[in-house]
Structures are given as C-alpha cells and as structure tokens.
C-alpha cells in the first residue's frame, strides 16, 4: 500500500482543481529507470485507471500504481513540504537503500 500524508493530500486536491487538470481525478505514482541513483519517481494526473492498475485512496486522494512500480513502493508515504529546506513532494520509501540528494531517485 502507498500512503499519503494529510499535507500531501491537500496539495494534490488543490492541484486537481487547476484548469489544466480538468477531467482528471487520479494521481498516478510510478517508478522508472533513470535518475542519479538508478530509479526515479514519477507523478501524473489521470482521468481513468488502466485495467491492471492497483488502486488506493487516502484522505480523499485516489491513487493509481502499476504492479511493476508497486513492488518498489510498498509501504511508501507521499509527503509534501513547503518549508525553506525544500519545497515539494517527497517520497518516504522504506525499500530504498539509498537516495540521491534531491530525493527524486533511489536504489534498492
């Protein structure tokens, strides 16, 4: 399961209200090859799930994740910070052996 902090959920709900996201109601979280540590996180908004998607909902946010990415993301919490030391979404992934300094990529 992927968890969403209350602060991240608020930010996602606000982003979904923007005009360019019209008709979209899901946040897709996935893992791709690349980044300075080998694997990188990706977030997109989607209108509909694919048949093979795993679905989660927390704090009113509907999440989608493909099965391949879920292997890397089980137990991960999506958080959001708007502080001086780093603004944006952050993945707290217990499966990551190491992460890059920017937090956008990781390795197992």
PDB file of N, CA and C in Angstrom:
ATOM      1  N   UNK A   1       0.835  -1.190   0.000  1.00  0.00           N
ATOM      2  CA  UNK A   1       0.000   0.000   0.000  1.00  0.00           C
ATOM      3  C   UNK A   1       0.874   1.245   0.000  1.00  0.00           C
ATOM      4  N   UNK A   2       0.405   2.272  -0.636  1.00  0.00           N
ATOM      5  CA  UNK A   2       1.056   3.577  -0.649  1.00  0.00           C
ATOM      6  C   UNK A   2       0.218   4.523   0.205  1.00  0.00           C
ATOM      7  N   UNK A   3       0.876   5.253   1.082  1.00  0.00           N
ATOM      8  CA  UNK A   3       0.175   6.173   1.963  1.00  0.00           C
ATOM      9  C   UNK A   3       0.398   7.615   1.505  1.00  0.00           C
ATOM     10  N   UNK A   4      -0.526   8.470   1.870  1.00  0.00           N
ATOM     11  CA  UNK A   4      -0.447   9.889   1.544  1.00  0.00           C
ATOM     12  C   UNK A   4      -0.616  10.675   2.832  1.00  0.00           C
ATOM     13  N   UNK A   5       0.322  11.561   3.119  1.00  0.00           N
ATOM     14  CA  UNK A   5       0.194  12.382   4.326  1.00  0.00           C
ATOM     15  C   UNK A   5      -0.941  13.383   4.125  1.00  0.00           C
ATOM     16  N   UNK A   6      -1.523  13.885   5.205  1.00  0.00           N
ATOM     17  CA  UNK A   6      -2.583  14.893   5.068  1.00  0.00           C
ATOM     18  C   UNK A   6      -2.133  16.132   4.293  1.00  0.00           C
ATOM     19  N   UNK A   7      -0.892  16.569   4.508  1.00  0.00           N
ATOM     20  CA  UNK A   7      -0.382  17.748   3.805  1.00  0.00           C
ATOM     21  C   UNK A   7      -0.243  17.478   2.302  1.00  0.00           C
ATOM     22  N   UNK A   8       0.241  16.287   1.939  1.00  0.00           N
ATOM     23  CA  UNK A   8       0.347  15.929   0.522  1.00  0.00           C
ATOM     24  C   UNK A   8      -1.041  15.812  -0.100  1.00  0.00           C
ATOM     25  N   UNK A   9      -1.976  15.255   0.628  1.00  0.00           N
ATOM     26  CA  UNK A   9      -3.342  15.111   0.123  1.00  0.00           C
ATOM     27  C   UNK A   9      -3.952  16.480  -0.164  1.00  0.00           C
ATOM     28  N   UNK A  10      -3.745  17.439   0.728  1.00  0.00           N
ATOM     29  CA  UNK A  10      -4.252  18.799   0.496  1.00  0.00           C
ATOM     30  C   UNK A  10      -3.668  19.384  -0.784  1.00  0.00           C
ATOM     31  N   UNK A  11      -2.361  19.208  -0.981  1.00  0.00           N
ATOM     32  CA  UNK A  11      -1.703  19.765  -2.166  1.00  0.00           C
ATOM     33  C   UNK A  11      -2.214  19.083  -3.439  1.00  0.00           C
ATOM     34  N   UNK A  12      -2.380  17.766  -3.422  1.00  0.00           N
ATOM     35  CA  UNK A  12      -2.884  17.043  -4.596  1.00  0.00           C
ATOM     36  C   UNK A  12      -4.291  17.516  -4.933  1.00  0.00           C
ATOM     37  N   UNK A  13      -5.155  17.634  -3.919  1.00  0.00           N
ATOM     38  CA  UNK A  13      -6.526  18.095  -4.171  1.00  0.00           C
ATOM     39  C   UNK A  13      -6.529  19.497  -4.776  1.00  0.00           C
ATOM     40  N   UNK A  14      -5.641  20.376  -4.298  1.00  0.00           N
ATOM     41  CA  UNK A  14      -5.542  21.728  -4.850  1.00  0.00           C
ATOM     42  C   UNK A  14      -5.064  21.699  -6.307  1.00  0.00           C
ATOM     43  N   UNK A  15      -4.089  20.868  -6.602  1.00  0.00           N
ATOM     44  CA  UNK A  15      -3.579  20.768  -7.973  1.00  0.00           C
ATOM     45  C   UNK A  15      -4.639  20.233  -8.930  1.00  0.00           C
ATOM     46  N   UNK A  16      -5.460  19.304  -8.450  1.00  0.00           N
ATOM     47  CA  UNK A  16      -6.516  18.747  -9.298  1.00  0.00           C
ATOM     48  C   UNK A  16      -7.598  19.768  -9.641  1.00  0.00           C
ATOM     49  N   UNK A  17      -7.657  20.869  -8.895  1.00  0.00           N
ATOM     50  CA  UNK A  17      -8.636  21.927  -9.161  1.00  0.00           C
ATOM     51  C   UNK A  17      -8.178  22.895 -10.247  1.00  0.00           C
ATOM     52  N   UNK A  18      -6.907  22.805 -10.641  1.00  0.00           N
ATOM     53  CA  UNK A  18      -6.393  23.715 -11.662  1.00  0.00           C
ATOM     54  C   UNK A  18      -6.989  23.375 -13.031  1.00  0.00           C
ATOM     55  N   UNK A  19      -7.216  24.394 -13.859  1.00  0.00           N
ATOM     56  CA  UNK A  19      -7.881  24.179 -15.154  1.00  0.00           C
ATOM     57  C   UNK A  19      -7.218  23.131 -16.042  1.00  0.00           C
ATOM     58  N   UNK A  20      -5.900  23.058 -16.045  1.00  0.00           N
ATOM     59  CA  UNK A  20      -5.221  22.091 -16.920  1.00  0.00           C
ATOM     60  C   UNK A  20      -5.419  20.638 -16.482  1.00  0.00           C
ATOM     61  N   UNK A  21      -5.976  20.425 -15.304  1.00  0.00           N
ATOM     62  CA  UNK A  21      -6.250  19.070 -14.816  1.00  0.00           C
ATOM     63  C   UNK A  21      -7.733  18.711 -14.935  1.00  0.00           C
ATOM     64  N   UNK A  22      -8.491  19.496 -15.646  1.00  0.00           N
ATOM     65  CA  UNK A  22      -9.935  19.258 -15.790  1.00  0.00           C
ATOM     66  C   UNK A  22     -10.192  17.834 -16.290  1.00  0.00           C
ATOM     67  N   UNK A  23     -11.113  17.161 -15.632  1.00  0.00           N
ATOM     68  CA  UNK A  23     -11.484  15.803 -16.006  1.00  0.00           C
ATOM     69  C   UNK A  23     -10.608  14.729 -15.399  1.00  0.00           C
ATOM     70  N   UNK A  24      -9.554  15.110 -14.706  1.00  0.00           N
ATOM     71  CA  UNK A  24      -8.645  14.143 -14.088  1.00  0.00           C
ATOM     72  C   UNK A  24      -8.968  14.045 -12.600  1.00  0.00           C
ATOM     73  N   UNK A  25      -8.975  12.833 -12.083  1.00  0.00           N
ATOM     74  CA  UNK A  25      -9.312  12.659 -10.665  1.00  0.00           C
ATOM     75  C   UNK A  25      -8.411  11.662  -9.960  1.00  0.00           C
ATOM     76  N   UNK A  26      -7.386  11.167 -10.632  1.00  0.00           N
ATOM     77  CA  UNK A  26      -6.466  10.188 -10.043  1.00  0.00           C
ATOM     78  C   UNK A  26      -5.038  10.721 -10.086  1.00  0.00           C
ATOM     79  N   UNK A  27      -4.261  10.374  -9.070  1.00  0.00           N
ATOM     80  CA  UNK A  27      -2.826  10.628  -9.062  1.00  0.00           C
ATOM     81  C   UNK A  27      -2.133   9.303  -9.336  1.00  0.00           C
ATOM     82  N   UNK A  28      -1.364   9.250 -10.420  1.00  0.00           N
ATOM     83  CA  UNK A  28      -0.589   8.048 -10.735  1.00  0.00           C
ATOM     84  C   UNK A  28       0.827   8.231 -10.205  1.00  0.00           C
ATOM     85  N   UNK A  29       1.279   7.244  -9.435  1.00  0.00           N
ATOM     86  CA  UNK A  29       2.645   7.225  -8.939  1.00  0.00           C
ATOM     87  C   UNK A  29       3.326   6.013  -9.569  1.00  0.00           C
ATOM     88  N   UNK A  30       4.495   6.245 -10.152  1.00  0.00           N
ATOM     89  CA  UNK A  30       5.207   5.146 -10.789  1.00  0.00           C
ATOM     90  C   UNK A  30       6.707   5.284 -10.571  1.00  0.00           C
ATOM     91  N   UNK A  31       7.418   4.213 -10.897  1.00  0.00           N
ATOM     92  CA  UNK A  31       8.868   4.169 -10.798  1.00  0.00           C
ATOM     93  C   UNK A  31       9.411   3.866 -12.183  1.00  0.00           C
ATOM     94  N   UNK A  32      10.407   4.646 -12.607  1.00  0.00           N
ATOM     95  CA  UNK A  32      11.029   4.480 -13.911  1.00  0.00           C
ATOM     96  C   UNK A  32      12.528   4.278 -13.737  1.00  0.00           C
ATOM     97  N   UNK A  33      13.150   3.631 -14.693  1.00  0.00           N
ATOM     98  CA  UNK A  33      14.607   3.530 -14.694  1.00  0.00           C
ATOM     99  C   UNK A  33      15.181   4.901 -15.006  1.00  0.00           C
ATOM    100  N   UNK A  34      16.233   5.257 -14.283  1.00  0.00           N
ATOM    101  CA  UNK A  34      16.882   6.538 -14.536  1.00  0.00           C
ATOM    102  C   UNK A  34      17.139   7.292 -13.252  1.00  0.00           C
ATOM    103  N   UNK A  35      17.648   8.472 -13.389  1.00  0.00           N
ATOM    104  CA  UNK A  35      17.999   9.278 -12.230  1.00  0.00           C
ATOM    105  C   UNK A  35      19.401   8.934 -11.761  1.00  0.00           C
ATOM    106  N   UNK A  36      19.952   9.731 -10.897  1.00  0.00           N
ATOM    107  CA  UNK A  36      21.338   9.532 -10.472  1.00  0.00           C
ATOM    108  C   UNK A  36      21.524   8.316  -9.571  1.00  0.00           C
ATOM    109  N   UNK A  37      20.447   7.770  -9.008  1.00  0.00           N
ATOM    110  CA  UNK A  37      20.571   6.578  -8.163  1.00  0.00           C
ATOM    111  C   UNK A  37      20.054   5.311  -8.836  1.00  0.00           C
ATOM    112  N   UNK A  38      19.529   5.403 -10.055  1.00  0.00           N
ATOM    113  CA  UNK A  38      19.099   4.217 -10.795  1.00  0.00           C
ATOM    114  C   UNK A  38      17.617   4.109 -11.055  1.00  0.00           C
ATOM    115  N   UNK A  39      16.790   4.538 -10.103  1.00  0.00           N
ATOM    116  CA  UNK A  39      15.339   4.507 -10.258  1.00  0.00           C
ATOM    117  C   UNK A  39      14.795   5.883  -9.880  1.00  0.00           C
ATOM    118  N   UNK A  40      13.763   6.331 -10.576  1.00  0.00           N
ATOM    119  CA  UNK A  40      13.203   7.638 -10.254  1.00  0.00           C
ATOM    120  C   UNK A  40      11.688   7.558 -10.108  1.00  0.00           C
ATOM    121  N   UNK A  41      11.167   8.453  -9.298  1.00  0.00           N
ATOM    122  CA  UNK A  41       9.731   8.543  -9.056  1.00  0.00           C
ATOM    123  C   UNK A  41       9.092   9.409 -10.140  1.00  0.00           C
ATOM    124  N   UNK A  42       7.850   9.081 -10.460  1.00  0.00           N
ATOM    125  CA  UNK A  42       7.093   9.894 -11.417  1.00  0.00           C
ATOM    126  C   UNK A  42       5.670  10.043 -10.900  1.00  0.00           C
ATOM    127  N   UNK A  43       5.117  11.239 -11.059  1.00  0.00           N
ATOM    128  CA  UNK A  43       3.743  11.512 -10.675  1.00  0.00           C
ATOM    129  C   UNK A  43       3.030  12.173 -11.843  1.00  0.00           C
ATOM    130  N   UNK A  44       1.824  11.697 -12.141  1.00  0.00           N
ATOM    131  CA  UNK A  44       0.996  12.248 -13.208  1.00  0.00           C
ATOM    132  C   UNK A  44      -0.453  12.228 -12.743  1.00  0.00           C
ATOM    133  N   UNK A  45      -1.272  13.080 -13.347  1.00  0.00           N
ATOM    134  CA  UNK A  45      -2.707  13.018 -13.104  1.00  0.00           C
ATOM    135  C   UNK A  45      -3.361  12.277 -14.254  1.00  0.00           C
ATOM    136  N   UNK A  46      -4.357  11.458 -13.941  1.00  0.00           N
ATOM    137  CA  UNK A  46      -5.044  10.632 -14.923  1.00  0.00           C
ATOM    138  C   UNK A  46      -6.554  10.799 -14.775  1.00  0.00           C
ATOM    139  N   UNK A  47      -7.260  10.610 -15.883  1.00  0.00           N
ATOM    140  CA  UNK A  47      -8.721  10.655 -15.854  1.00  0.00           C
ATOM    141  C   UNK A  47      -9.312   9.311 -15.464  1.00  0.00           C
ATOM    142  N   UNK A  48      -8.714   8.222 -15.927  1.00  0.00           N
ATOM    143  CA  UNK A  48      -9.252   6.880 -15.690  1.00  0.00           C
ATOM    144  C   UNK A  48      -8.123   5.897 -15.391  1.00  0.00           C
ATOM    145  N   UNK A  49      -8.389   4.905 -14.558  1.00  0.00           N
ATOM    146  CA  UNK A  49      -7.381   3.866 -14.317  1.00  0.00           C
ATOM    147  C   UNK A  49      -7.302   2.892 -15.492  1.00  0.00           C
ATOM    148  N   UNK A  50      -6.160   2.249 -15.626  1.00  0.00           N
ATOM    149  CA  UNK A  50      -5.994   1.158 -16.573  1.00  0.00           C
ATOM    150  C   UNK A  50      -6.439  -0.130 -15.886  1.00  0.00           C
ATOM    151  N   UNK A  51      -6.848  -1.138 -16.639  1.00  0.00           N
ATOM    152  CA  UNK A  51      -7.343  -2.381 -16.020  1.00  0.00           C
ATOM    153  C   UNK A  51      -6.359  -3.035 -15.050  1.00  0.00           C
ATOM    154  N   UNK A  52      -5.061  -2.933 -15.319  1.00  0.00           N
ATOM    155  CA  UNK A  52      -4.061  -3.594 -14.471  1.00  0.00           C
ATOM    156  C   UNK A  52      -3.583  -2.743 -13.291  1.00  0.00           C
ATOM    157  N   UNK A  53      -4.107  -1.535 -13.141  1.00  0.00           N
ATOM    158  CA  UNK A  53      -3.679  -0.648 -12.061  1.00  0.00           C
ATOM    159  C   UNK A  53      -4.126  -1.139 -10.691  1.00  0.00           C
ATOM    160  N   UNK A  54      -3.267  -0.920  -9.717  1.00  0.00           N
ATOM    161  CA  UNK A  54      -3.627  -1.078  -8.316  1.00  0.00           C
ATOM    162  C   UNK A  54      -4.185   0.270  -7.876  1.00  0.00           C
ATOM    163  N   UNK A  55      -5.246   0.255  -7.091  1.00  0.00           N
ATOM    164  CA  UNK A  55      -5.906   1.497  -6.679  1.00  0.00           C
ATOM    165  C   UNK A  55      -5.886   1.623  -5.161  1.00  0.00           C
ATOM    166  N   UNK A  56      -5.638   2.842  -4.714  1.00  0.00           N
ATOM    167  CA  UNK A  56      -5.630   3.159  -3.293  1.00  0.00           C
ATOM    168  C   UNK A  56      -6.350   4.492  -3.108  1.00  0.00           C
ATOM    169  N   UNK A  57      -6.859   4.713  -1.912  1.00  0.00           N
ATOM    170  CA  UNK A  57      -7.452   6.013  -1.608  1.00  0.00           C
ATOM    171  C   UNK A  57      -7.135   6.356  -0.162  1.00  0.00           C
ATOM    172  N   UNK A  58      -6.669   7.579   0.038  1.00  0.00           N
ATOM    173  CA  UNK A  58      -6.374   8.043   1.390  1.00  0.00           C
ATOM    174  C   UNK A  58      -6.555   9.549   1.447  1.00  0.00           C
ATOM    175  N   UNK A  59      -7.232  10.020   2.475  1.00  0.00           N
ATOM    176  CA  UNK A  59      -7.501  11.447   2.680  1.00  0.00           C
ATOM    177  C   UNK A  59      -8.160  12.068   1.445  1.00  0.00           C
ATOM    178  N   UNK A  60      -9.004  11.310   0.776  1.00  0.00           N
ATOM    179  CA  UNK A  60      -9.727  11.827  -0.377  1.00  0.00           C
ATOM    180  C   UNK A  60      -8.936  11.856  -1.673  1.00  0.00           C
ATOM    181  N   UNK A  61      -7.726  11.320  -1.667  1.00  0.00           N
ATOM    182  CA  UNK A  61      -6.891  11.268  -2.868  1.00  0.00           C
ATOM    183  C   UNK A  61      -6.937   9.852  -3.422  1.00  0.00           C
ATOM    184  N   UNK A  62      -7.276   9.756  -4.704  1.00  0.00           N
ATOM    185  CA  UNK A  62      -7.323   8.447  -5.361  1.00  0.00           C
ATOM    186  C   UNK A  62      -6.021   8.228  -6.120  1.00  0.00           C
ATOM    187  N   UNK A  63      -5.318   7.150  -5.732  1.00  0.00           N
ATOM    188  CA  UNK A  63      -4.010   6.834  -6.297  1.00  0.00           C
ATOM    189  C   UNK A  63      -4.091   5.663  -7.247  1.00  0.00           C
ATOM    190  N   UNK A  64      -3.250   5.702  -8.277  1.00  0.00           N
ATOM    191  CA  UNK A  64      -3.067   4.587  -9.191  1.00  0.00           C
ATOM    192  C   UNK A  64      -1.593   4.223  -9.210  1.00  0.00           C
ATOM    193  N   UNK A  65      -1.321   2.922  -9.325  1.00  0.00           N
ATOM    194  CA  UNK A  65       0.054   2.453  -9.413  1.00  0.00           C
ATOM    195  C   UNK A  65       0.059   1.153 -10.209  1.00  0.00           C
ATOM    196  N   UNK A  66       0.952   1.055 -11.190  1.00  0.00           N
ATOM    197  CA  UNK A  66       1.057  -0.195 -11.932  1.00  0.00           C
ATOM    198  C   UNK A  66       1.749  -1.242 -11.049  1.00  0.00           C
ATOM    199  N   UNK A  67       1.518  -2.507 -11.337  1.00  0.00           N
ATOM    200  CA  UNK A  67       2.028  -3.591 -10.488  1.00  0.00           C
ATOM    201  C   UNK A  67       3.554  -3.604 -10.407  1.00  0.00           C
ATOM    202  N   UNK A  68       4.226  -3.294 -11.503  1.00  0.00           N
ATOM    203  CA  UNK A  68       5.689  -3.294 -11.509  1.00  0.00           C
ATOM    204  C   UNK A  68       6.242  -2.224 -10.565  1.00  0.00           C
ATOM    205  N   UNK A  69       5.650  -1.039 -10.599  1.00  0.00           N
ATOM    206  CA  UNK A  69       6.097   0.046  -9.718  1.00  0.00           C
ATOM    207  C   UNK A  69       5.767  -0.238  -8.262  1.00  0.00           C
ATOM    208  N   UNK A  70       4.639  -0.884  -8.030  1.00  0.00           N
ATOM    209  CA  UNK A  70       4.209  -1.147  -6.658  1.00  0.00           C
ATOM    210  C   UNK A  70       5.227  -1.980  -5.888  1.00  0.00           C
ATOM    211  N   UNK A  71       5.932  -2.860  -6.576  1.00  0.00           N
ATOM    212  CA  UNK A  71       6.971  -3.675  -5.927  1.00  0.00           C
ATOM    213  C   UNK A  71       7.995  -2.780  -5.233  1.00  0.00           C
ATOM    214  N   UNK A  72       8.324  -1.649  -5.843  1.00  0.00           N
ATOM    215  CA  UNK A  72       9.301  -0.713  -5.286  1.00  0.00           C
ATOM    216  C   UNK A  72       8.696   0.249  -4.271  1.00  0.00           C
ATOM    217  N   UNK A  73       7.365   0.386  -4.282  1.00  0.00           N
ATOM    218  CA  UNK A  73       6.706   1.434  -3.497  1.00  0.00           C
ATOM    219  C   UNK A  73       5.913   0.947  -2.294  1.00  0.00           C
ATOM    220  N   UNK A  74       5.830  -0.344  -2.058  1.00  0.00           N
ATOM    221  CA  UNK A  74       5.054  -0.855  -0.919  1.00  0.00           C
ATOM    222  C   UNK A  74       5.563  -0.219   0.370  1.00  0.00           C
ATOM    223  N   UNK A  75       4.649   0.360   1.127  1.00  0.00           N
ATOM    224  CA  UNK A  75       4.996   0.986   2.395  1.00  0.00           C
ATOM    225  C   UNK A  75       5.458   2.429   2.278  1.00  0.00           C
ATOM    226  N   UNK A  76       5.497   2.977   1.079  1.00  0.00           N
ATOM    227  CA  UNK A  76       5.967   4.340   0.860  1.00  0.00           C
ATOM    228  C   UNK A  76       4.899   5.351   1.261  1.00  0.00           C
ATOM    229  N   UNK A  77       5.346   6.461   1.830  1.00  0.00           N
ATOM    230  CA  UNK A  77       4.451   7.567   2.137  1.00  0.00           C
ATOM    231  C   UNK A  77       4.825   8.756   1.250  1.00  0.00           C
ATOM    232  N   UNK A  78       3.824   9.314   0.588  1.00  0.00           N
ATOM    233  CA  UNK A  78       3.999  10.543  -0.170  1.00  0.00           C
ATOM    234  C   UNK A  78       3.732  11.702   0.777  1.00  0.00           C
ATOM    235  N   UNK A  79       4.692  12.597   0.893  1.00  0.00           N
ATOM    236  CA  UNK A  79       4.562  13.745   1.786  1.00  0.00           C
ATOM    237  C   UNK A  79       4.793  15.018   0.974  1.00  0.00           C
ATOM    238  N   UNK A  80       4.444  16.147   1.561  1.00  0.00           N
ATOM    239  CA  UNK A  80       4.660  17.438   0.914  1.00  0.00           C
ATOM    240  C   UNK A  80       5.231  18.404   1.931  1.00  0.00           C
ATOM    241  N   UNK A  81       6.237  19.163   1.498  1.00  0.00           N
ATOM    242  CA  UNK A  81       6.854  20.168   2.349  1.00  0.00           C
ATOM    243  C   UNK A  81       6.812  21.507   1.634  1.00  0.00           C
ATOM    244  N   UNK A  82       6.494  22.537   2.378  1.00  0.00           N
ATOM    245  CA  UNK A  82       6.551  23.883   1.806  1.00  0.00           C
ATOM    246  C   UNK A  82       7.490  24.762   2.621  1.00  0.00           C
ATOM    247  N   UNK A  83       8.443  24.128   3.284  1.00  0.00           N
ATOM    248  CA  UNK A  83       9.394  24.845   4.123  1.00  0.00           C
ATOM    249  C   UNK A  83      10.577  25.389   3.347  1.00  0.00           C
ATOM    250  N   UNK A  84      11.437  26.075   4.047  1.00  0.00           N
ATOM    251  CA  UNK A  84      12.618  26.695   3.441  1.00  0.00           C
ATOM    252  C   UNK A  84      13.663  25.675   3.007  1.00  0.00           C
ATOM    253  N   UNK A  85      13.670  24.499   3.612  1.00  0.00           N
ATOM    254  CA  UNK A  85      14.681  23.499   3.317  1.00  0.00           C
ATOM    255  C   UNK A  85      14.289  22.549   2.192  1.00  0.00           C
ATOM    256  N   UNK A  86      13.321  22.862   1.432  1.00  0.00           N
ATOM    257  CA  UNK A  86      12.919  22.011   0.319  1.00  0.00           C
ATOM    258  C   UNK A  86      11.420  22.018   0.153  1.00  0.00           C
ATOM    259  N   UNK A  87      10.988  22.531  -0.951  1.00  0.00           N
ATOM    260  CA  UNK A  87       9.566  22.636  -1.223  1.00  0.00           C
ATOM    261  C   UNK A  87       9.192  21.597  -2.250  1.00  0.00           C
ATOM    262  N   UNK A  88       8.103  20.883  -2.016  1.00  0.00           N
ATOM    263  CA  UNK A  88       7.613  19.927  -2.995  1.00  0.00           C
ATOM    264  C   UNK A  88       7.237  18.594  -2.372  1.00  0.00           C
ATOM    265  N   UNK A  89       6.936  17.651  -3.247  1.00  0.00           N
ATOM    266  CA  UNK A  89       6.564  16.308  -2.813  1.00  0.00           C
ATOM    267  C   UNK A  89       7.821  15.507  -2.493  1.00  0.00           C
ATOM    268  N   UNK A  90       7.697  14.657  -1.476  1.00  0.00           N
ATOM    269  CA  UNK A  90       8.807  13.805  -1.054  1.00  0.00           C
ATOM    270  C   UNK A  90       8.284  12.392  -0.841  1.00  0.00           C
ATOM    271  N   UNK A  91       9.070  11.417  -1.242  1.00  0.00           N
ATOM    272  CA  UNK A  91       8.725  10.018  -1.049  1.00  0.00           C
ATOM    273  C   UNK A  91       9.531   9.464   0.112  1.00  0.00           C
ATOM    274  N   UNK A  92       8.839   8.995   1.142  1.00  0.00           N
ATOM    275  CA  UNK A  92       9.479   8.321   2.266  1.00  0.00           C
ATOM    276  C   UNK A  92       9.333   6.831   2.001  1.00  0.00           C
ATOM    277  N   UNK A  93      10.359   6.267   1.352  1.00  0.00           N
ATOM    278  CA  UNK A  93      10.309   4.895   0.865  1.00  0.00           C
ATOM    279  C   UNK A  93      11.177   3.993   1.728  1.00  0.00           C
ATOM    280  N   UNK A  94      10.561   3.086   2.514  1.00  0.00           N
ATOM    281  CA  UNK A  94      11.344   2.198   3.371  1.00  0.00           C
ATOM    282  C   UNK A  94      12.134   1.150   2.581  1.00  0.00           C
ATOM    283  N   UNK A  95      11.857   0.978   1.307  1.00  0.00           N
ATOM    284  CA  UNK A  95      12.546  -0.005   0.472  1.00  0.00           C
ATOM    285  C   UNK A  95      13.837   0.537  -0.129  1.00  0.00           C
ATOM    286  N   UNK A  96      14.024   1.844  -0.115  1.00  0.00           N
ATOM    287  CA  UNK A  96      15.193   2.464  -0.732  1.00  0.00           C
ATOM    288  C   UNK A  96      16.427   2.263   0.131  1.00  0.00           C
ATOM    289  N   UNK A  97      17.465   1.687  -0.461  1.00  0.00           N
ATOM    290  CA  UNK A  97      18.738   1.516   0.238  1.00  0.00           C
ATOM    291  C   UNK A  97      19.487   2.847   0.295  1.00  0.00           C
ATOM    292  N   UNK A  98      19.352   3.621  -0.783  1.00  0.00           N
ATOM    293  CA  UNK A  98      19.942   4.965  -0.801  1.00  0.00           C
ATOM    294  C   UNK A  98      19.142   5.836  -1.745  1.00  0.00           C
ATOM    295  N   UNK A  99      19.200   7.133  -1.491  1.00  0.00           N
ATOM    296  CA  UNK A  99      18.507   8.120  -2.325  1.00  0.00           C
ATOM    297  C   UNK A  99      19.496   9.194  -2.709  1.00  0.00           C
ATOM    298  N   UNK A 100      19.219   9.865  -3.806  1.00  0.00           N
ATOM    299  CA  UNK A 100      20.072  10.981  -4.193  1.00  0.00           C
ATOM    300  C   UNK A 100      19.762  12.185  -3.294  1.00  0.00           C
ATOM    301  N   UNK A 101      20.584  13.184  -3.364  1.00  0.00           N
ATOM    302  CA  UNK A 101      20.411  14.364  -2.507  1.00  0.00           C
ATOM    303  C   UNK A 101      19.101  15.097  -2.773  1.00  0.00           C
ATOM    304  N   UNK A 102      18.657  15.086  -4.015  1.00  0.00           N
ATOM    305  CA  UNK A 102      17.409  15.817  -4.332  1.00  0.00           C
ATOM    306  C   UNK A 102      16.174  15.011  -3.974  1.00  0.00           C
ATOM    307  N   UNK A 103      16.314  13.710  -3.711  1.00  0.00           N
ATOM    308  CA  UNK A 103      15.178  12.874  -3.312  1.00  0.00           C
ATOM    309  C   UNK A 103      14.319  12.398  -4.457  1.00  0.00           C
ATOM    310  N   UNK A 104      14.733  12.637  -5.691  1.00  0.00           N
ATOM    311  CA  UNK A 104      13.935  12.232  -6.839  1.00  0.00           C
ATOM    312  C   UNK A 104      14.296  10.866  -7.389  1.00  0.00           C
ATOM    313  N   UNK A 105      15.396  10.295  -6.935  1.00  0.00           N
ATOM    314  CA  UNK A 105      15.753   8.960  -7.385  1.00  0.00           C
ATOM    315  C   UNK A 105      16.271   8.134  -6.213  1.00  0.00           C
ATOM    316  N   UNK A 106      16.293   6.824  -6.405  1.00  0.00           N
ATOM    317  CA  UNK A 106      16.693   5.920  -5.331  1.00  0.00           C
ATOM    318  C   UNK A 106      17.210   4.618  -5.926  1.00  0.00           C
ATOM    319  N   UNK A 107      17.784   3.793  -5.062  1.00  0.00           N
ATOM    320  CA  UNK A 107      18.185   2.444  -5.457  1.00  0.00           C
ATOM    321  C   UNK A 107      17.816   1.489  -4.344  1.00  0.00           C
ATOM    322  N   UNK A 108      17.749   0.222  -4.695  1.00  0.00           N
ATOM    323  CA  UNK A 108      17.398  -0.803  -3.705  1.00  0.00           C
ATOM    324  C   UNK A 108      18.629  -1.495  -3.189  1.00  0.00           C
TER     325      UNK A 108
END
